[in-house]
């Protein structure tokens, strides 16, 4: 059984950990992740950011590593993918108004395919009518008013936790990446079997 194809939506200054960690973990278990940014081609770079709480009233932002896009935005055919993932950080704030990004998210919503979102990523989902309506969704707590106004049910998970509502997997931020990716893998039908000594069996359900 083959791995799944996941489309990751990012923008300039999306959260570094939520790009790199998710992509590498999914590749490690046999899935393919194509990372796209509006008007960027494969081989071009975007700047990422690092957000943390350091005792101030809100989070701080620092420049992260450059990330090299691995798929040209113009070449993407959403129907070719099994799931979509929206990384958080500052990128979602501006890519959400791009009609092409909205069309991509709408495809996954209407097709009933898995949708994964973390931190500010929910801002992209909110920009598409009906995606979060009636859904339980976790996000950075500053996004709670937007979730509610879009008809969603905000779930205040622990920073290291994640939440699942059908095919929608969500989390508050990068400290929850382990729980978040574990739930994403379950929704994708991926099984990691440690029952045999010194051997890990990986499979992705059809």
N, C-alpha and C. Protein backbone atom coordinates (compact mmCIF):
# COMPACT_ATOMS: atom_id res chain seq x y z
N UNK A 1 0.84 -1.19 0.00
CA UNK A 1 0.00 0.00 0.00
C UNK A 1 0.87 1.24 0.00
N UNK A 2 0.57 2.19 -0.85
CA UNK A 2 1.40 3.36 -1.00
C UNK A 2 1.07 4.45 -0.01
N UNK A 3 2.00 5.41 0.10
CA UNK A 3 1.79 6.56 0.96
C UNK A 3 0.81 7.54 0.34
N UNK A 4 0.40 8.50 1.13
CA UNK A 4 -0.54 9.51 0.70
C UNK A 4 0.19 10.77 0.23
N UNK A 5 -0.53 11.58 -0.54
CA UNK A 5 0.00 12.86 -1.01
C UNK A 5 -0.69 13.99 -0.24
N UNK A 6 0.12 14.80 0.40
CA UNK A 6 -0.39 15.89 1.23
C UNK A 6 0.06 17.22 0.64
N UNK A 7 -0.87 18.15 0.54
CA UNK A 7 -0.55 19.48 0.04
C UNK A 7 -0.46 20.44 1.23
N UNK A 8 0.68 21.11 1.39
CA UNK A 8 0.86 22.06 2.48
C UNK A 8 0.81 23.49 1.94
N UNK A 9 -0.05 24.30 2.54
CA UNK A 9 -0.18 25.70 2.17
C UNK A 9 0.61 26.57 3.14
N UNK A 10 1.52 27.38 2.60
CA UNK A 10 2.33 28.26 3.43
C UNK A 10 2.42 29.63 2.76
N UNK A 11 2.91 30.60 3.52
CA UNK A 11 3.20 31.92 3.00
C UNK A 11 4.51 32.40 3.58
N UNK A 12 4.93 33.58 3.18
CA UNK A 12 6.12 34.16 3.80
C UNK A 12 5.85 34.32 5.30
N UNK A 13 6.83 33.95 6.10
CA UNK A 13 6.78 34.04 7.56
C UNK A 13 5.77 33.09 8.21
N UNK A 14 5.43 32.01 7.50
CA UNK A 14 4.74 30.92 8.18
C UNK A 14 5.69 30.33 9.21
N UNK A 15 5.12 29.65 10.20
CA UNK A 15 5.91 29.12 11.32
C UNK A 15 6.89 28.03 10.87
N UNK A 16 8.17 28.25 11.18
CA UNK A 16 9.22 27.32 10.74
C UNK A 16 8.97 25.88 11.18
N UNK A 17 8.75 25.67 12.47
CA UNK A 17 8.58 24.31 12.98
C UNK A 17 7.40 23.61 12.30
N UNK A 18 6.34 24.36 12.08
CA UNK A 18 5.13 23.76 11.53
C UNK A 18 5.27 23.40 10.05
N UNK A 19 6.31 23.92 9.42
CA UNK A 19 6.64 23.51 8.06
C UNK A 19 7.62 22.34 8.10
N UNK A 20 8.79 22.58 8.65
CA UNK A 20 9.87 21.61 8.60
C UNK A 20 9.54 20.30 9.33
N UNK A 21 9.04 20.40 10.56
CA UNK A 21 8.79 19.19 11.35
C UNK A 21 7.70 18.34 10.72
N UNK A 22 6.61 18.98 10.31
CA UNK A 22 5.51 18.23 9.69
C UNK A 22 5.99 17.55 8.41
N UNK A 23 6.65 18.30 7.55
CA UNK A 23 7.09 17.74 6.27
C UNK A 23 8.03 16.56 6.48
N UNK A 24 9.04 16.73 7.31
CA UNK A 24 10.03 15.67 7.49
C UNK A 24 9.44 14.44 8.16
N UNK A 25 8.54 14.64 9.12
CA UNK A 25 7.92 13.49 9.78
C UNK A 25 7.06 12.70 8.81
N UNK A 26 6.31 13.40 7.97
CA UNK A 26 5.46 12.69 7.01
C UNK A 26 6.29 11.97 5.95
N UNK A 27 7.38 12.59 5.52
CA UNK A 27 8.26 11.92 4.58
C UNK A 27 8.89 10.67 5.22
N UNK A 28 9.18 10.76 6.52
CA UNK A 28 9.83 9.64 7.22
C UNK A 28 8.97 8.39 7.23
N UNK A 29 7.64 8.55 7.20
CA UNK A 29 6.76 7.38 7.23
C UNK A 29 6.18 7.07 5.85
N UNK A 30 6.76 7.66 4.81
CA UNK A 30 6.40 7.26 3.46
C UNK A 30 5.38 8.09 2.73
N UNK A 31 4.92 9.18 3.33
CA UNK A 31 3.99 10.06 2.64
C UNK A 31 4.76 11.12 1.84
N UNK A 32 4.09 11.72 0.88
CA UNK A 32 4.67 12.80 0.08
C UNK A 32 4.02 14.11 0.48
N UNK A 33 4.83 15.12 0.74
CA UNK A 33 4.31 16.45 1.09
C UNK A 33 4.82 17.45 0.07
N UNK A 34 3.90 18.10 -0.62
CA UNK A 34 4.25 19.19 -1.52
C UNK A 34 3.89 20.50 -0.85
N UNK A 35 4.89 21.35 -0.71
CA UNK A 35 4.72 22.63 -0.03
C UNK A 35 4.62 23.74 -1.06
N UNK A 36 3.52 24.50 -1.00
CA UNK A 36 3.31 25.53 -2.01
C UNK A 36 3.03 26.88 -1.36
N UNK A 37 3.38 27.93 -2.08
CA UNK A 37 3.14 29.30 -1.66
C UNK A 37 2.68 30.07 -2.90
N UNK A 38 1.66 30.91 -2.78
CA UNK A 38 1.18 31.65 -3.96
C UNK A 38 2.29 32.36 -4.71
N UNK A 39 2.30 32.12 -6.03
CA UNK A 39 3.23 32.77 -6.95
C UNK A 39 4.69 32.39 -6.75
N UNK A 40 4.95 31.31 -6.03
CA UNK A 40 6.30 30.79 -5.88
C UNK A 40 6.46 29.52 -6.71
N UNK A 41 7.65 29.34 -7.28
CA UNK A 41 7.96 28.15 -8.06
C UNK A 41 8.85 27.21 -7.25
N UNK A 42 8.85 25.94 -7.63
CA UNK A 42 9.74 24.97 -6.99
C UNK A 42 11.17 25.46 -7.11
N UNK A 43 11.90 25.40 -6.01
CA UNK A 43 13.28 25.86 -5.99
C UNK A 43 13.45 27.26 -5.44
N UNK A 44 12.36 28.02 -5.39
CA UNK A 44 12.42 29.35 -4.79
C UNK A 44 12.23 29.25 -3.28
N UNK A 45 12.73 30.25 -2.56
CA UNK A 45 12.69 30.20 -1.11
C UNK A 45 11.70 31.19 -0.53
N UNK A 46 11.20 30.85 0.65
CA UNK A 46 10.41 31.80 1.45
C UNK A 46 11.11 31.96 2.79
N UNK A 47 10.86 33.09 3.43
CA UNK A 47 11.34 33.28 4.79
C UNK A 47 10.31 32.69 5.76
N UNK A 48 10.80 32.06 6.82
CA UNK A 48 9.90 31.53 7.84
C UNK A 48 10.11 32.32 9.13
N UNK A 49 9.25 32.08 10.09
CA UNK A 49 9.36 32.79 11.37
C UNK A 49 9.27 31.80 12.53
N UNK A 50 9.75 32.26 13.67
CA UNK A 50 9.69 31.48 14.92
C UNK A 50 8.91 32.30 15.94
N UNK A 51 7.85 31.72 16.48
CA UNK A 51 7.03 32.40 17.47
C UNK A 51 7.13 31.69 18.81
N UNK A 52 7.19 32.47 19.88
CA UNK A 52 7.28 31.87 21.21
C UNK A 52 6.70 32.84 22.24
N UNK A 53 6.33 32.30 23.38
CA UNK A 53 5.88 33.12 24.50
C UNK A 53 7.02 33.22 25.49
N UNK A 54 7.46 34.43 25.75
CA UNK A 54 8.65 34.66 26.57
C UNK A 54 8.39 35.63 27.71
N UNK A 55 7.16 35.61 28.24
CA UNK A 55 6.84 36.45 29.38
C UNK A 55 6.17 37.76 29.04
N UNK A 56 5.97 38.03 27.76
CA UNK A 56 5.28 39.25 27.35
C UNK A 56 3.78 38.98 27.25
N UNK A 57 3.01 40.01 26.98
CA UNK A 57 1.56 39.82 26.88
C UNK A 57 1.15 39.02 25.66
N UNK A 58 1.98 39.02 24.64
CA UNK A 58 1.70 38.23 23.45
C UNK A 58 3.01 37.57 22.99
N UNK A 59 2.95 36.84 21.90
CA UNK A 59 4.13 36.10 21.45
C UNK A 59 5.15 37.01 20.77
N UNK A 60 6.38 36.53 20.77
CA UNK A 60 7.44 37.22 20.04
C UNK A 60 7.62 36.54 18.69
N UNK A 61 8.21 37.26 17.75
CA UNK A 61 8.46 36.70 16.42
C UNK A 61 9.92 36.95 16.04
N UNK A 62 10.57 35.88 15.60
CA UNK A 62 11.95 35.97 15.16
C UNK A 62 12.07 35.35 13.77
N UNK A 63 13.08 35.74 13.04
CA UNK A 63 13.30 35.18 11.71
C UNK A 63 13.77 33.75 11.81
N UNK A 64 13.13 32.86 11.04
CA UNK A 64 13.53 31.46 11.02
C UNK A 64 14.45 31.17 9.83
N UNK A 65 14.59 29.90 9.52
CA UNK A 65 15.39 29.49 8.37
C UNK A 65 14.63 29.73 7.07
N UNK A 66 15.38 29.85 5.98
CA UNK A 66 14.75 29.87 4.67
C UNK A 66 14.22 28.48 4.35
N UNK A 67 13.08 28.42 3.69
CA UNK A 67 12.54 27.14 3.25
C UNK A 67 12.43 27.16 1.73
N UNK A 68 12.95 26.10 1.10
CA UNK A 68 12.90 26.00 -0.35
C UNK A 68 11.63 25.27 -0.78
N UNK A 69 10.79 25.97 -1.50
CA UNK A 69 9.52 25.41 -1.98
C UNK A 69 9.79 24.22 -2.89
N UNK A 70 9.03 23.14 -2.73
CA UNK A 70 9.30 21.93 -3.53
C UNK A 70 8.24 21.65 -4.60
N UNK A 71 7.28 22.57 -4.76
CA UNK A 71 6.26 22.39 -5.79
C UNK A 71 5.80 23.77 -6.26
N UNK A 72 5.73 23.97 -7.55
CA UNK A 72 5.28 25.26 -8.09
C UNK A 72 3.77 25.42 -7.88
N UNK A 73 3.39 26.57 -7.36
CA UNK A 73 1.98 26.84 -7.06
C UNK A 73 1.11 26.67 -8.30
N UNK A 74 1.59 27.15 -9.43
CA UNK A 74 0.80 27.12 -10.66
C UNK A 74 0.56 25.70 -11.18
N UNK A 75 1.37 24.75 -10.74
CA UNK A 75 1.26 23.38 -11.26
C UNK A 75 0.37 22.48 -10.42
N UNK A 76 -0.16 22.98 -9.33
CA UNK A 76 -0.91 22.13 -8.40
C UNK A 76 -2.31 21.81 -8.93
N UNK A 77 -2.65 20.53 -8.85
CA UNK A 77 -4.00 20.06 -9.16
C UNK A 77 -4.54 19.46 -7.86
N UNK A 78 -5.41 20.15 -7.14
CA UNK A 78 -5.88 19.66 -5.84
C UNK A 78 -6.42 18.24 -5.85
N UNK A 79 -7.04 17.85 -6.95
CA UNK A 79 -7.62 16.50 -7.03
C UNK A 79 -6.56 15.41 -6.93
N UNK A 80 -5.30 15.76 -7.14
CA UNK A 80 -4.22 14.78 -7.06
C UNK A 80 -3.79 14.48 -5.63
N UNK A 81 -4.35 15.19 -4.66
CA UNK A 81 -3.89 15.07 -3.27
C UNK A 81 -4.96 14.46 -2.37
N UNK A 82 -4.47 13.79 -1.34
CA UNK A 82 -5.35 13.10 -0.39
C UNK A 82 -5.74 13.97 0.79
N UNK A 83 -4.94 15.00 1.09
CA UNK A 83 -5.20 15.85 2.25
C UNK A 83 -4.53 17.20 2.03
N UNK A 84 -5.02 18.20 2.77
CA UNK A 84 -4.40 19.52 2.74
C UNK A 84 -4.04 19.93 4.17
N UNK A 85 -2.92 20.60 4.32
CA UNK A 85 -2.44 21.05 5.63
C UNK A 85 -2.10 22.53 5.53
N UNK A 86 -2.60 23.32 6.48
CA UNK A 86 -2.29 24.74 6.52
C UNK A 86 -1.39 25.01 7.72
N UNK A 87 -0.14 25.38 7.47
CA UNK A 87 0.79 25.71 8.55
C UNK A 87 0.41 27.07 9.12
N UNK A 88 0.79 27.30 10.38
CA UNK A 88 0.45 28.54 11.06
C UNK A 88 1.49 29.62 10.88
N UNK A 89 1.59 30.49 11.88
CA UNK A 89 2.48 31.64 11.77
C UNK A 89 1.78 32.82 11.13
N UNK A 90 2.55 33.70 10.50
CA UNK A 90 1.98 34.91 9.92
C UNK A 90 1.50 34.72 8.49
N UNK A 91 1.97 33.66 7.82
CA UNK A 91 1.58 33.43 6.44
C UNK A 91 0.09 33.38 6.18
N UNK A 92 -0.68 32.66 7.03
CA UNK A 92 -2.12 32.53 6.77
C UNK A 92 -2.85 33.86 6.68
N UNK A 93 -2.36 34.87 7.39
CA UNK A 93 -3.05 36.16 7.41
C UNK A 93 -3.23 36.76 6.02
N UNK A 94 -2.22 36.55 5.15
CA UNK A 94 -2.34 37.15 3.82
C UNK A 94 -2.70 36.16 2.72
N UNK A 95 -2.27 34.90 2.84
CA UNK A 95 -2.62 33.97 1.76
C UNK A 95 -4.11 33.64 1.76
N UNK A 96 -4.80 33.88 2.88
CA UNK A 96 -6.23 33.55 2.96
C UNK A 96 -7.09 34.40 2.03
N UNK A 97 -6.59 35.57 1.63
CA UNK A 97 -7.39 36.41 0.74
C UNK A 97 -7.14 36.08 -0.73
N UNK A 98 -6.25 35.15 -1.01
CA UNK A 98 -5.95 34.73 -2.38
C UNK A 98 -7.05 33.77 -2.84
N UNK A 99 -7.77 34.14 -3.89
CA UNK A 99 -8.89 33.33 -4.37
C UNK A 99 -8.44 31.94 -4.79
N UNK A 100 -7.19 31.81 -5.25
CA UNK A 100 -6.69 30.49 -5.66
C UNK A 100 -6.49 29.59 -4.44
N UNK A 101 -6.01 30.17 -3.35
CA UNK A 101 -5.85 29.42 -2.11
C UNK A 101 -7.22 29.00 -1.59
N UNK A 102 -8.17 29.90 -1.65
CA UNK A 102 -9.52 29.58 -1.21
C UNK A 102 -10.12 28.44 -2.03
N UNK A 103 -9.86 28.44 -3.33
CA UNK A 103 -10.38 27.38 -4.20
C UNK A 103 -9.78 26.03 -3.84
N UNK A 104 -8.51 26.03 -3.48
CA UNK A 104 -7.86 24.78 -3.07
C UNK A 104 -8.52 24.22 -1.83
N UNK A 105 -8.70 25.06 -0.82
CA UNK A 105 -9.33 24.62 0.42
C UNK A 105 -10.76 24.16 0.16
N UNK A 106 -11.47 24.88 -0.69
CA UNK A 106 -12.86 24.52 -1.01
C UNK A 106 -12.93 23.12 -1.62
N UNK A 107 -11.95 22.78 -2.46
CA UNK A 107 -11.93 21.45 -3.07
C UNK A 107 -11.89 20.36 -2.00
N UNK A 108 -10.98 20.50 -1.04
CA UNK A 108 -10.85 19.46 -0.01
C UNK A 108 -12.09 19.39 0.87
N UNK A 109 -12.67 20.54 1.15
CA UNK A 109 -13.89 20.58 1.97
C UNK A 109 -15.04 19.89 1.25
N UNK A 110 -15.27 20.25 0.00
CA UNK A 110 -16.39 19.70 -0.75
C UNK A 110 -16.20 18.22 -1.07
N UNK A 111 -14.93 17.79 -1.21
CA UNK A 111 -14.64 16.39 -1.51
C UNK A 111 -14.61 15.52 -0.25
N UNK A 112 -14.70 16.15 0.93
CA UNK A 112 -14.68 15.40 2.17
C UNK A 112 -13.31 14.81 2.49
N UNK A 113 -12.26 15.41 1.96
CA UNK A 113 -10.91 14.93 2.23
C UNK A 113 -10.38 15.51 3.54
N UNK A 114 -9.38 14.87 4.14
CA UNK A 114 -8.80 15.38 5.38
C UNK A 114 -8.25 16.79 5.23
N UNK A 115 -8.51 17.61 6.27
CA UNK A 115 -7.99 18.97 6.34
C UNK A 115 -7.27 19.11 7.68
N UNK A 116 -6.02 19.53 7.64
CA UNK A 116 -5.20 19.68 8.84
C UNK A 116 -4.84 21.15 9.03
N UNK A 117 -4.99 21.67 10.24
CA UNK A 117 -4.66 23.07 10.51
C UNK A 117 -4.07 23.22 11.89
N UNK A 118 -3.12 24.12 12.02
CA UNK A 118 -2.47 24.37 13.30
C UNK A 118 -2.25 25.87 13.48
N UNK A 119 -2.36 26.32 14.73
CA UNK A 119 -2.08 27.71 15.07
C UNK A 119 -2.98 28.67 14.27
N UNK A 120 -2.36 29.63 13.57
CA UNK A 120 -3.12 30.59 12.76
C UNK A 120 -3.62 30.01 11.43
N UNK A 121 -3.29 28.76 11.15
CA UNK A 121 -3.73 28.15 9.90
C UNK A 121 -5.23 28.19 9.71
N UNK A 122 -5.95 28.20 10.83
CA UNK A 122 -7.41 28.23 10.75
C UNK A 122 -7.92 29.49 10.04
N UNK A 123 -7.11 30.55 9.99
CA UNK A 123 -7.53 31.76 9.29
C UNK A 123 -7.80 31.49 7.81
N UNK A 124 -7.07 30.57 7.24
CA UNK A 124 -7.28 30.22 5.84
C UNK A 124 -8.59 29.46 5.68
N UNK A 125 -8.89 28.57 6.62
CA UNK A 125 -10.14 27.80 6.54
C UNK A 125 -11.34 28.71 6.72
N UNK A 126 -11.22 29.67 7.63
CA UNK A 126 -12.31 30.59 7.91
C UNK A 126 -12.66 31.43 6.68
N UNK A 127 -11.68 31.67 5.83
CA UNK A 127 -11.91 32.50 4.63
C UNK A 127 -12.77 31.81 3.59
N UNK A 128 -13.02 30.52 3.78
CA UNK A 128 -13.83 29.75 2.83
C UNK A 128 -15.14 29.37 3.52
N UNK A 129 -16.21 29.88 3.01
CA UNK A 129 -17.52 29.72 3.65
C UNK A 129 -17.86 28.25 3.89
N UNK A 130 -18.22 27.96 5.13
CA UNK A 130 -18.71 26.64 5.47
C UNK A 130 -17.70 25.64 5.96
N UNK A 131 -16.41 25.92 5.82
CA UNK A 131 -15.39 24.93 6.17
C UNK A 131 -15.37 24.63 7.66
N UNK A 132 -15.48 25.65 8.50
CA UNK A 132 -15.44 25.41 9.94
C UNK A 132 -16.83 25.47 10.58
N UNK A 133 -17.85 25.81 9.80
CA UNK A 133 -19.18 25.94 10.38
C UNK A 133 -19.63 24.62 11.01
N UNK A 134 -19.98 24.68 12.28
CA UNK A 134 -20.45 23.49 12.99
C UNK A 134 -19.34 22.54 13.40
N UNK A 135 -18.10 22.88 13.10
CA UNK A 135 -16.98 22.01 13.41
C UNK A 135 -16.28 22.43 14.71
N UNK A 136 -15.79 21.44 15.44
CA UNK A 136 -14.95 21.70 16.59
C UNK A 136 -13.51 21.88 16.09
N UNK A 137 -12.91 23.00 16.43
CA UNK A 137 -11.57 23.27 15.90
C UNK A 137 -10.70 23.94 16.94
N UNK A 138 -9.46 23.50 17.04
CA UNK A 138 -8.46 24.11 17.90
C UNK A 138 -7.61 25.05 17.07
N UNK A 139 -7.07 26.07 17.72
CA UNK A 139 -6.21 27.05 17.07
C UNK A 139 -5.56 27.88 18.16
N UNK A 140 -4.62 28.72 17.79
CA UNK A 140 -4.08 29.65 18.77
C UNK A 140 -5.24 30.42 19.38
N UNK A 141 -5.23 30.62 20.70
CA UNK A 141 -6.40 31.18 21.37
C UNK A 141 -6.78 32.56 20.86
N UNK A 142 -5.85 33.29 20.25
CA UNK A 142 -6.19 34.60 19.70
C UNK A 142 -7.13 34.49 18.50
N UNK A 143 -7.26 33.28 17.93
CA UNK A 143 -8.15 33.09 16.78
C UNK A 143 -9.56 32.68 17.20
N UNK A 144 -9.80 32.55 18.51
CA UNK A 144 -11.11 32.10 18.97
C UNK A 144 -12.26 32.95 18.45
N UNK A 145 -12.19 34.30 18.49
CA UNK A 145 -13.32 35.08 17.98
C UNK A 145 -13.61 34.81 16.51
N UNK A 146 -12.57 34.63 15.70
CA UNK A 146 -12.77 34.35 14.28
C UNK A 146 -13.44 33.01 14.06
N UNK A 147 -13.02 32.00 14.84
CA UNK A 147 -13.63 30.68 14.72
C UNK A 147 -15.12 30.76 15.04
N UNK A 148 -15.46 31.45 16.10
CA UNK A 148 -16.86 31.56 16.51
C UNK A 148 -17.68 32.35 15.49
N UNK A 149 -17.12 33.43 14.98
CA UNK A 149 -17.85 34.24 14.00
C UNK A 149 -18.10 33.49 12.70
N UNK A 150 -17.22 32.51 12.41
CA UNK A 150 -17.39 31.70 11.21
C UNK A 150 -18.30 30.50 11.45
N UNK A 151 -18.87 30.42 12.65
CA UNK A 151 -19.81 29.34 12.95
C UNK A 151 -19.16 28.09 13.50
N UNK A 152 -17.86 28.16 13.81
CA UNK A 152 -17.16 27.02 14.37
C UNK A 152 -17.26 26.97 15.88
N UNK A 153 -16.85 25.85 16.45
CA UNK A 153 -16.84 25.66 17.90
C UNK A 153 -15.38 25.60 18.34
N UNK A 154 -14.91 26.65 18.99
CA UNK A 154 -13.51 26.71 19.38
C UNK A 154 -13.24 25.73 20.53
N UNK A 155 -12.17 24.93 20.38
CA UNK A 155 -11.78 23.96 21.40
C UNK A 155 -10.43 24.38 21.96
N UNK A 156 -10.41 24.66 23.26
CA UNK A 156 -9.19 25.14 23.91
C UNK A 156 -8.36 23.95 24.39
N UNK A 157 -7.63 23.32 23.47
CA UNK A 157 -6.81 22.16 23.84
C UNK A 157 -5.57 22.61 24.59
N UNK A 158 -4.91 21.68 25.24
CA UNK A 158 -3.63 21.96 25.87
C UNK A 158 -2.62 22.33 24.79
N UNK A 159 -1.59 23.12 25.14
CA UNK A 159 -0.58 23.48 24.13
C UNK A 159 0.05 22.28 23.45
N UNK A 160 0.15 21.15 24.17
CA UNK A 160 0.75 19.95 23.60
C UNK A 160 -0.29 18.99 23.03
N UNK A 161 -1.53 19.42 22.93
CA UNK A 161 -2.60 18.54 22.48
C UNK A 161 -3.04 18.81 21.05
N UNK A 162 -4.05 18.07 20.64
CA UNK A 162 -4.64 18.20 19.31
C UNK A 162 -6.10 17.79 19.40
N UNK A 163 -6.88 18.14 18.38
CA UNK A 163 -8.30 17.80 18.39
C UNK A 163 -8.71 17.26 17.03
N UNK A 164 -9.62 16.30 17.03
CA UNK A 164 -10.12 15.70 15.80
C UNK A 164 -11.64 15.82 15.76
N UNK A 165 -12.14 16.31 14.64
CA UNK A 165 -13.58 16.33 14.38
C UNK A 165 -13.78 15.80 12.98
N UNK A 166 -14.08 14.53 12.87
CA UNK A 166 -14.20 13.89 11.56
C UNK A 166 -12.86 13.89 10.85
N UNK A 167 -12.81 14.49 9.66
CA UNK A 167 -11.56 14.55 8.89
C UNK A 167 -10.78 15.84 9.16
N UNK A 168 -11.23 16.64 10.13
CA UNK A 168 -10.54 17.88 10.47
C UNK A 168 -9.68 17.67 11.71
N UNK A 169 -8.38 17.85 11.55
CA UNK A 169 -7.44 17.73 12.67
C UNK A 169 -6.85 19.11 12.93
N UNK A 170 -6.84 19.53 14.19
CA UNK A 170 -6.36 20.87 14.50
C UNK A 170 -5.58 20.88 15.81
N UNK A 171 -4.77 21.93 15.97
CA UNK A 171 -3.97 22.08 17.18
C UNK A 171 -3.66 23.55 17.41
N UNK A 172 -3.21 23.85 18.63
CA UNK A 172 -3.01 25.24 19.05
C UNK A 172 -1.72 25.84 18.50
N UNK A 173 -0.66 25.05 18.40
CA UNK A 173 0.61 25.59 17.92
C UNK A 173 1.69 24.54 17.91
N UNK A 174 2.92 24.96 17.59
CA UNK A 174 3.99 23.99 17.37
C UNK A 174 4.32 23.10 18.58
N UNK A 175 4.09 23.51 19.84
CA UNK A 175 4.34 22.55 20.93
C UNK A 175 3.45 21.31 20.84
N UNK A 176 2.36 21.40 20.09
CA UNK A 176 1.46 20.26 19.94
C UNK A 176 1.71 19.43 18.71
N UNK A 177 2.83 19.65 18.04
CA UNK A 177 3.07 18.94 16.77
C UNK A 177 3.06 17.43 16.90
N UNK A 178 3.59 16.88 17.99
CA UNK A 178 3.62 15.42 18.13
C UNK A 178 2.21 14.85 18.16
N UNK A 179 1.36 15.42 19.02
CA UNK A 179 -0.03 14.96 19.10
C UNK A 179 -0.77 15.22 17.80
N UNK A 180 -0.52 16.39 17.23
CA UNK A 180 -1.18 16.77 15.98
C UNK A 180 -0.84 15.79 14.86
N UNK A 181 0.43 15.49 14.67
CA UNK A 181 0.83 14.58 13.59
C UNK A 181 0.35 13.17 13.85
N UNK A 182 0.32 12.77 15.11
CA UNK A 182 -0.21 11.44 15.43
C UNK A 182 -1.66 11.32 14.97
N UNK A 183 -2.46 12.35 15.23
CA UNK A 183 -3.86 12.31 14.82
C UNK A 183 -4.01 12.43 13.30
N UNK A 184 -3.14 13.22 12.67
CA UNK A 184 -3.16 13.31 11.21
C UNK A 184 -2.90 11.95 10.58
N UNK A 185 -1.93 11.22 11.14
CA UNK A 185 -1.60 9.90 10.62
C UNK A 185 -2.77 8.94 10.77
N UNK A 186 -3.48 9.03 11.88
CA UNK A 186 -4.64 8.17 12.08
C UNK A 186 -5.71 8.46 11.02
N UNK A 187 -5.95 9.74 10.78
CA UNK A 187 -6.97 10.12 9.79
C UNK A 187 -6.55 9.66 8.39
N UNK A 188 -5.26 9.69 8.13
CA UNK A 188 -4.74 9.23 6.83
C UNK A 188 -4.77 7.71 6.69
N UNK A 189 -5.00 7.01 7.81
CA UNK A 189 -5.02 5.56 7.78
C UNK A 189 -3.65 4.93 7.87
N UNK A 190 -2.69 5.67 8.40
CA UNK A 190 -1.31 5.17 8.51
C UNK A 190 -1.14 4.36 9.78
N UNK A 191 -0.51 3.20 9.66
CA UNK A 191 -0.26 2.33 10.81
C UNK A 191 1.24 2.15 10.99
N UNK A 192 1.72 2.44 12.18
CA UNK A 192 3.12 2.21 12.52
C UNK A 192 3.16 1.07 13.52
N UNK A 193 3.77 -0.04 13.15
CA UNK A 193 3.73 -1.27 13.93
C UNK A 193 5.10 -1.53 14.54
N UNK A 194 5.17 -1.47 15.88
CA UNK A 194 6.42 -1.73 16.59
C UNK A 194 6.44 -3.14 17.21
N UNK A 195 5.55 -3.99 16.78
CA UNK A 195 5.40 -5.29 17.43
C UNK A 195 6.56 -6.24 17.17
N UNK A 196 7.30 -6.03 16.08
CA UNK A 196 8.41 -6.90 15.77
C UNK A 196 9.71 -6.23 16.19
N UNK A 197 10.56 -6.93 16.96
CA UNK A 197 11.81 -6.36 17.45
C UNK A 197 12.67 -5.82 16.32
N UNK A 198 13.21 -4.64 16.52
CA UNK A 198 14.17 -4.01 15.58
C UNK A 198 13.57 -3.78 14.20
N UNK A 199 12.24 -3.73 14.13
CA UNK A 199 11.63 -3.51 12.83
C UNK A 199 10.35 -2.70 12.98
N UNK A 200 10.23 -1.69 12.18
CA UNK A 200 9.03 -0.87 12.17
C UNK A 200 8.33 -1.06 10.83
N UNK A 201 7.09 -1.46 10.88
CA UNK A 201 6.32 -1.68 9.66
C UNK A 201 5.46 -0.45 9.41
N UNK A 202 5.57 0.10 8.23
CA UNK A 202 4.80 1.29 7.88
C UNK A 202 3.82 0.95 6.78
N UNK A 203 2.59 1.42 6.95
CA UNK A 203 1.60 1.22 5.90
C UNK A 203 0.63 2.36 5.89
N UNK A 204 0.10 2.64 4.72
CA UNK A 204 -0.93 3.67 4.59
C UNK A 204 -2.14 3.02 3.95
N UNK A 205 -3.26 3.07 4.62
CA UNK A 205 -4.47 2.42 4.11
C UNK A 205 -4.88 3.05 2.80
N UNK A 206 -5.41 2.25 1.92
CA UNK A 206 -5.89 2.77 0.62
C UNK A 206 -7.12 3.63 0.88
